[in-house]
Amino acid sequence: MTKISNNVGKTIITFAENHKVDMIIIGSRGSDPYHEIFLGSVANYLVNKSRIPIIVVK
């Protein structure tokens, strides 16, 4: 996982916690068409680190 993805994931979690968000919905992958099978690094970070429920859409 890249440092940029890690920072984006932390930013999303911080925002969601500060604004009392009930759920986070995120796409399953980034814009790279060669990695459609894999979960995107930001989505993966959120799924593993967030205490807020996550829905990952394809």
PDB file of N, CA and C in Angstrom:
ATOM      1  N   MET A   1       0.848  -1.173   0.000  1.00  0.00           N
ATOM      2  CA  MET A   1       0.000   0.000   0.000  1.00  0.00           C
ATOM      3  C   MET A   1       0.894   1.238   0.000  1.00  0.00           C
ATOM      4  N   THR A   2       0.544   2.172  -0.826  1.00  0.00           N
ATOM      5  CA  THR A   2       1.360   3.374  -0.928  1.00  0.00           C
ATOM      6  C   THR A   2       1.030   4.343   0.199  1.00  0.00           C
ATOM      7  N   LYS A   3       1.954   5.230   0.463  1.00  0.00           N
ATOM      8  CA  LYS A   3       1.748   6.234   1.497  1.00  0.00           C
ATOM      9  C   LYS A   3       0.584   7.151   1.141  1.00  0.00           C
ATOM     10  N   ILE A   4       0.423   7.480  -0.132  1.00  0.00           N
ATOM     11  CA  ILE A   4      -0.676   8.347  -0.562  1.00  0.00           C
ATOM     12  C   ILE A   4      -2.011   7.687  -0.259  1.00  0.00           C
ATOM     13  N   SER A   5      -2.163   6.406  -0.596  1.00  0.00           N
ATOM     14  CA  SER A   5      -3.403   5.691  -0.321  1.00  0.00           C
ATOM     15  C   SER A   5      -3.680   5.633   1.169  1.00  0.00           C
ATOM     16  N   ASN A   6      -2.634   5.418   1.937  1.00  0.00           N
ATOM     17  CA  ASN A   6      -2.763   5.372   3.385  1.00  0.00           C
ATOM     18  C   ASN A   6      -3.284   6.711   3.906  1.00  0.00           C
ATOM     19  N   ASN A   7      -2.735   7.816   3.396  1.00  0.00           N
ATOM     20  CA  ASN A   7      -3.172   9.142   3.824  1.00  0.00           C
ATOM     21  C   ASN A   7      -4.612   9.421   3.416  1.00  0.00           C
ATOM     22  N   VAL A   8      -5.016   8.994   2.227  1.00  0.00           N
ATOM     23  CA  VAL A   8      -6.390   9.196   1.767  1.00  0.00           C
ATOM     24  C   VAL A   8      -7.334   8.410   2.663  1.00  0.00           C
ATOM     25  N   GLY A   9      -6.992   7.171   2.960  1.00  0.00           N
ATOM     26  CA  GLY A   9      -7.825   6.349   3.841  1.00  0.00           C
ATOM     27  C   GLY A   9      -7.972   6.970   5.219  1.00  0.00           C
ATOM     28  N   LYS A  10      -6.876   7.450   5.783  1.00  0.00           N
ATOM     29  CA  LYS A  10      -6.918   8.101   7.097  1.00  0.00           C
ATOM     30  C   LYS A  10      -7.780   9.355   7.051  1.00  0.00           C
ATOM     31  N   THR A  11      -7.669  10.115   5.975  1.00  0.00           N
ATOM     32  CA  THR A  11      -8.459  11.334   5.816  1.00  0.00           C
ATOM     33  C   THR A  11      -9.955  11.014   5.763  1.00  0.00           C
ATOM     34  N   ILE A  12     -10.315   9.985   5.011  1.00  0.00           N
ATOM     35  CA  ILE A  12     -11.727   9.593   4.916  1.00  0.00           C
ATOM     36  C   ILE A  12     -12.254   9.153   6.271  1.00  0.00           C
ATOM     37  N   ILE A  13     -11.490   8.337   6.984  1.00  0.00           N
ATOM     38  CA  ILE A  13     -11.923   7.865   8.308  1.00  0.00           C
ATOM     39  C   ILE A  13     -12.048   9.028   9.277  1.00  0.00           C
ATOM     40  N   THR A  14     -11.077   9.922   9.292  1.00  0.00           N
ATOM     41  CA  THR A  14     -11.128  11.084  10.189  1.00  0.00           C
ATOM     42  C   THR A  14     -12.349  11.946   9.897  1.00  0.00           C
ATOM     43  N   PHE A  15     -12.594  12.227   8.626  1.00  0.00           N
ATOM     44  CA  PHE A  15     -13.761  13.021   8.236  1.00  0.00           C
ATOM     45  C   PHE A  15     -15.047  12.333   8.680  1.00  0.00           C
ATOM     46  N   ALA A  16     -15.149  11.046   8.414  1.00  0.00           N
ATOM     47  CA  ALA A  16     -16.362  10.293   8.754  1.00  0.00           C
ATOM     48  C   ALA A  16     -16.602  10.282  10.257  1.00  0.00           C
ATOM     49  N   GLU A  17     -15.557  10.091  11.046  1.00  0.00           N
ATOM     50  CA  GLU A  17     -15.708  10.083  12.501  1.00  0.00           C
ATOM     51  C   GLU A  17     -16.068  11.469  13.032  1.00  0.00           C
ATOM     52  N   ASN A  18     -15.448  12.514  12.502  1.00  0.00           N
ATOM     53  CA  ASN A  18     -15.717  13.881  12.961  1.00  0.00           C
ATOM     54  C   ASN A  18     -17.112  14.362  12.599  1.00  0.00           C
ATOM     55  N   HIS A  19     -17.671  13.832  11.519  1.00  0.00           N
ATOM     56  CA  HIS A  19     -18.998  14.252  11.068  1.00  0.00           C
ATOM     57  C   HIS A  19     -20.084  13.230  11.384  1.00  0.00           C
ATOM     58  N   LYS A  20     -19.742  12.261  12.231  1.00  0.00           N
ATOM     59  CA  LYS A  20     -20.688  11.238  12.683  1.00  0.00           C
ATOM     60  C   LYS A  20     -21.407  10.539  11.521  1.00  0.00           C
ATOM     61  N   VAL A  21     -20.620  10.141  10.524  1.00  0.00           N
ATOM     62  CA  VAL A  21     -21.139   9.431   9.356  1.00  0.00           C
ATOM     63  C   VAL A  21     -21.547   8.019   9.788  1.00  0.00           C
ATOM     64  N   ASP A  22     -22.698   7.539   9.296  1.00  0.00           N
ATOM     65  CA  ASP A  22     -23.202   6.218   9.666  1.00  0.00           C
ATOM     66  C   ASP A  22     -22.574   5.098   8.840  1.00  0.00           C
ATOM     67  N   MET A  23     -22.217   5.390   7.600  1.00  0.00           N
ATOM     68  CA  MET A  23     -21.689   4.363   6.706  1.00  0.00           C
ATOM     69  C   MET A  23     -20.854   5.021   5.614  1.00  0.00           C
ATOM     70  N   ILE A  24     -19.819   4.314   5.180  1.00  0.00           N
ATOM     71  CA  ILE A  24     -18.973   4.786   4.080  1.00  0.00           C
ATOM     72  C   ILE A  24     -19.203   3.861   2.894  1.00  0.00           C
ATOM     73  N   ILE A  25     -19.446   4.443   1.729  1.00  0.00           N
ATOM     74  CA  ILE A  25     -19.606   3.675   0.493  1.00  0.00           C
ATOM     75  C   ILE A  25     -18.468   4.078  -0.432  1.00  0.00           C
ATOM     76  N   ILE A  26     -17.749   3.085  -0.953  1.00  0.00           N
ATOM     77  CA  ILE A  26     -16.576   3.352  -1.787  1.00  0.00           C
ATOM     78  C   ILE A  26     -16.527   2.349  -2.932  1.00  0.00           C
ATOM     79  N   GLY A  27     -15.955   2.778  -4.050  1.00  0.00           N
ATOM     80  CA  GLY A  27     -15.756   1.879  -5.186  1.00  0.00           C
ATOM     81  C   GLY A  27     -14.699   0.837  -4.878  1.00  0.00           C
ATOM     82  N   SER A  28     -14.799  -0.297  -5.552  1.00  0.00           N
ATOM     83  CA  SER A  28     -13.905  -1.417  -5.255  1.00  0.00           C
ATOM     84  C   SER A  28     -12.491  -1.234  -5.786  1.00  0.00           C
ATOM     85  N   ARG A  29     -12.303  -0.341  -6.748  1.00  0.00           N
ATOM     86  CA  ARG A  29     -10.963  -0.163  -7.305  1.00  0.00           C
ATOM     87  C   ARG A  29     -10.787   1.265  -7.773  1.00  0.00           C
ATOM     88  N   GLY A  30      -9.536   1.618  -7.995  1.00  0.00           N
ATOM     89  CA  GLY A  30      -9.230   2.946  -8.499  1.00  0.00           C
ATOM     90  C   GLY A  30      -9.433   3.017 -10.000  1.00  0.00           C
ATOM     91  N   SER A  31      -8.807   3.963 -10.627  1.00  0.00           N
ATOM     92  CA  SER A  31      -9.008   4.196 -12.057  1.00  0.00           C
ATOM     93  C   SER A  31      -8.131   3.325 -12.951  1.00  0.00           C
ATOM     94  N   ASP A  32      -7.274   2.504 -12.371  1.00  0.00           N
ATOM     95  CA  ASP A  32      -6.379   1.664 -13.168  1.00  0.00           C
ATOM     96  C   ASP A  32      -7.135   0.450 -13.713  1.00  0.00           C
ATOM     97  N   PRO A  33      -7.398   0.382 -15.019  1.00  0.00           N
ATOM     98  CA  PRO A  33      -8.197  -0.708 -15.587  1.00  0.00           C
ATOM     99  C   PRO A  33      -7.512  -2.075 -15.552  1.00  0.00           C
ATOM    100  N   TYR A  34      -6.216  -2.119 -15.315  1.00  0.00           N
ATOM    101  CA  TYR A  34      -5.485  -3.387 -15.299  1.00  0.00           C
ATOM    102  C   TYR A  34      -5.636  -4.140 -13.984  1.00  0.00           C
ATOM    103  N   HIS A  35      -6.214  -3.501 -12.986  1.00  0.00           N
ATOM    104  CA  HIS A  35      -6.336  -4.138 -11.681  1.00  0.00           C
ATOM    105  C   HIS A  35      -7.793  -4.333 -11.273  1.00  0.00           C
ATOM    106  N   GLU A  36      -8.682  -4.646 -12.228  1.00  0.00           N
ATOM    107  CA  GLU A  36     -10.089  -4.771 -11.869  1.00  0.00           C
ATOM    108  C   GLU A  36     -10.366  -5.926 -10.929  1.00  0.00           C
ATOM    109  N   ILE A  37      -9.516  -6.920 -10.881  1.00  0.00           N
ATOM    110  CA  ILE A  37      -9.743  -8.069  -9.997  1.00  0.00           C
ATOM    111  C   ILE A  37      -9.457  -7.693  -8.540  1.00  0.00           C
ATOM    112  N   PHE A  38      -8.516  -6.819  -8.312  1.00  0.00           N
ATOM    113  CA  PHE A  38      -8.051  -6.518  -6.962  1.00  0.00           C
ATOM    114  C   PHE A  38      -8.825  -5.366  -6.337  1.00  0.00           C
ATOM    115  N   LEU A  39      -8.965  -5.421  -5.029  1.00  0.00           N
ATOM    116  CA  LEU A  39      -9.569  -4.326  -4.283  1.00  0.00           C
ATOM    117  C   LEU A  39      -8.587  -3.163  -4.272  1.00  0.00           C
ATOM    118  N   GLY A  40      -9.072  -1.955  -4.537  1.00  0.00           N
ATOM    119  CA  GLY A  40      -8.207  -0.786  -4.527  1.00  0.00           C
ATOM    120  C   GLY A  40      -7.572  -0.576  -3.166  1.00  0.00           C
ATOM    121  N   SER A  41      -6.437   0.080  -3.132  1.00  0.00           N
ATOM    122  CA  SER A  41      -5.694   0.225  -1.879  1.00  0.00           C
ATOM    123  C   SER A  41      -6.435   1.080  -0.855  1.00  0.00           C
ATOM    124  N   VAL A  42      -7.146   2.116  -1.299  1.00  0.00           N
ATOM    125  CA  VAL A  42      -7.912   2.940  -0.355  1.00  0.00           C
ATOM    126  C   VAL A  42      -9.084   2.127   0.198  1.00  0.00           C
ATOM    127  N   ALA A  43      -9.797   1.433  -0.676  1.00  0.00           N
ATOM    128  CA  ALA A  43     -10.915   0.592  -0.229  1.00  0.00           C
ATOM    129  C   ALA A  43     -10.418  -0.479   0.735  1.00  0.00           C
ATOM    130  N   ASN A  44      -9.307  -1.089   0.411  1.00  0.00           N
ATOM    131  CA  ASN A  44      -8.731  -2.112   1.284  1.00  0.00           C
ATOM    132  C   ASN A  44      -8.368  -1.531   2.648  1.00  0.00           C
ATOM    133  N   TYR A  45      -7.767  -0.357   2.651  1.00  0.00           N
ATOM    134  CA  TYR A  45      -7.417   0.300   3.912  1.00  0.00           C
ATOM    135  C   TYR A  45      -8.665   0.556   4.758  1.00  0.00           C
ATOM    136  N   LEU A  46      -9.711   1.086   4.124  1.00  0.00           N
ATOM    137  CA  LEU A  46     -10.936   1.393   4.857  1.00  0.00           C
ATOM    138  C   LEU A  46     -11.580   0.139   5.425  1.00  0.00           C
ATOM    139  N   VAL A  47     -11.643  -0.913   4.628  1.00  0.00           N
ATOM    140  CA  VAL A  47     -12.246  -2.164   5.091  1.00  0.00           C
ATOM    141  C   VAL A  47     -11.516  -2.696   6.320  1.00  0.00           C
ATOM    142  N   ASN A  48     -10.205  -2.548   6.344  1.00  0.00           N
ATOM    143  CA  ASN A  48      -9.418  -3.104   7.442  1.00  0.00           C
ATOM    144  C   ASN A  48      -9.242  -2.182   8.640  1.00  0.00           C
ATOM    145  N   LYS A  49      -9.398  -0.879   8.466  1.00  0.00           N
ATOM    146  CA  LYS A  49      -9.091   0.058   9.554  1.00  0.00           C
ATOM    147  C   LYS A  49     -10.294   0.802  10.131  1.00  0.00           C
ATOM    148  N   SER A  50     -11.374   0.910   9.373  1.00  0.00           N
ATOM    149  CA  SER A  50     -12.497   1.733   9.817  1.00  0.00           C
ATOM    150  C   SER A  50     -13.379   1.010  10.826  1.00  0.00           C
ATOM    151  N   ARG A  51     -13.821   1.747  11.841  1.00  0.00           N
ATOM    152  CA  ARG A  51     -14.810   1.216  12.784  1.00  0.00           C
ATOM    153  C   ARG A  51     -16.224   1.500  12.283  1.00  0.00           C
ATOM    154  N   ILE A  52     -16.316   2.331  11.259  1.00  0.00           N
ATOM    155  CA  ILE A  52     -17.605   2.663  10.635  1.00  0.00           C
ATOM    156  C   ILE A  52     -17.870   1.597   9.565  1.00  0.00           C
ATOM    157  N   PRO A  53     -19.117   1.125   9.440  1.00  0.00           N
ATOM    158  CA  PRO A  53     -19.411   0.126   8.407  1.00  0.00           C
ATOM    159  C   PRO A  53     -19.067   0.643   7.006  1.00  0.00           C
ATOM    160  N   ILE A  54     -18.561  -0.260   6.172  1.00  0.00           N
ATOM    161  CA  ILE A  54     -18.141   0.064   4.813  1.00  0.00           C
ATOM    162  C   ILE A  54     -18.950  -0.780   3.829  1.00  0.00           C
ATOM    163  N   ILE A  55     -19.416  -0.162   2.754  1.00  0.00           N
ATOM    164  CA  ILE A  55     -19.978  -0.892   1.618  1.00  0.00           C
ATOM    165  C   ILE A  55     -19.046  -0.634   0.446  1.00  0.00           C
ATOM    166  N   VAL A  56     -18.552  -1.716  -0.151  1.00  0.00           N
ATOM    167  CA  VAL A  56     -17.674  -1.616  -1.307  1.00  0.00           C
ATOM    168  C   VAL A  56     -18.493  -2.024  -2.535  1.00  0.00           C
ATOM    169  N   VAL A  57     -18.605  -1.123  -3.506  1.00  0.00           N
ATOM    170  CA  VAL A  57     -19.368  -1.402  -4.727  1.00  0.00           C
ATOM    171  C   VAL A  57     -18.425  -1.618  -5.899  1.00  0.00           C
ATOM    172  N   LYS A  58     -18.871  -2.458  -6.805  1.00  0.00           N
ATOM    173  CA  LYS A  58     -18.046  -2.757  -7.980  1.00  0.00           C
ATOM    174  C   LYS A  58     -18.515  -1.943  -9.148  1.00  0.00           C
TER     175      LYS A  58
END
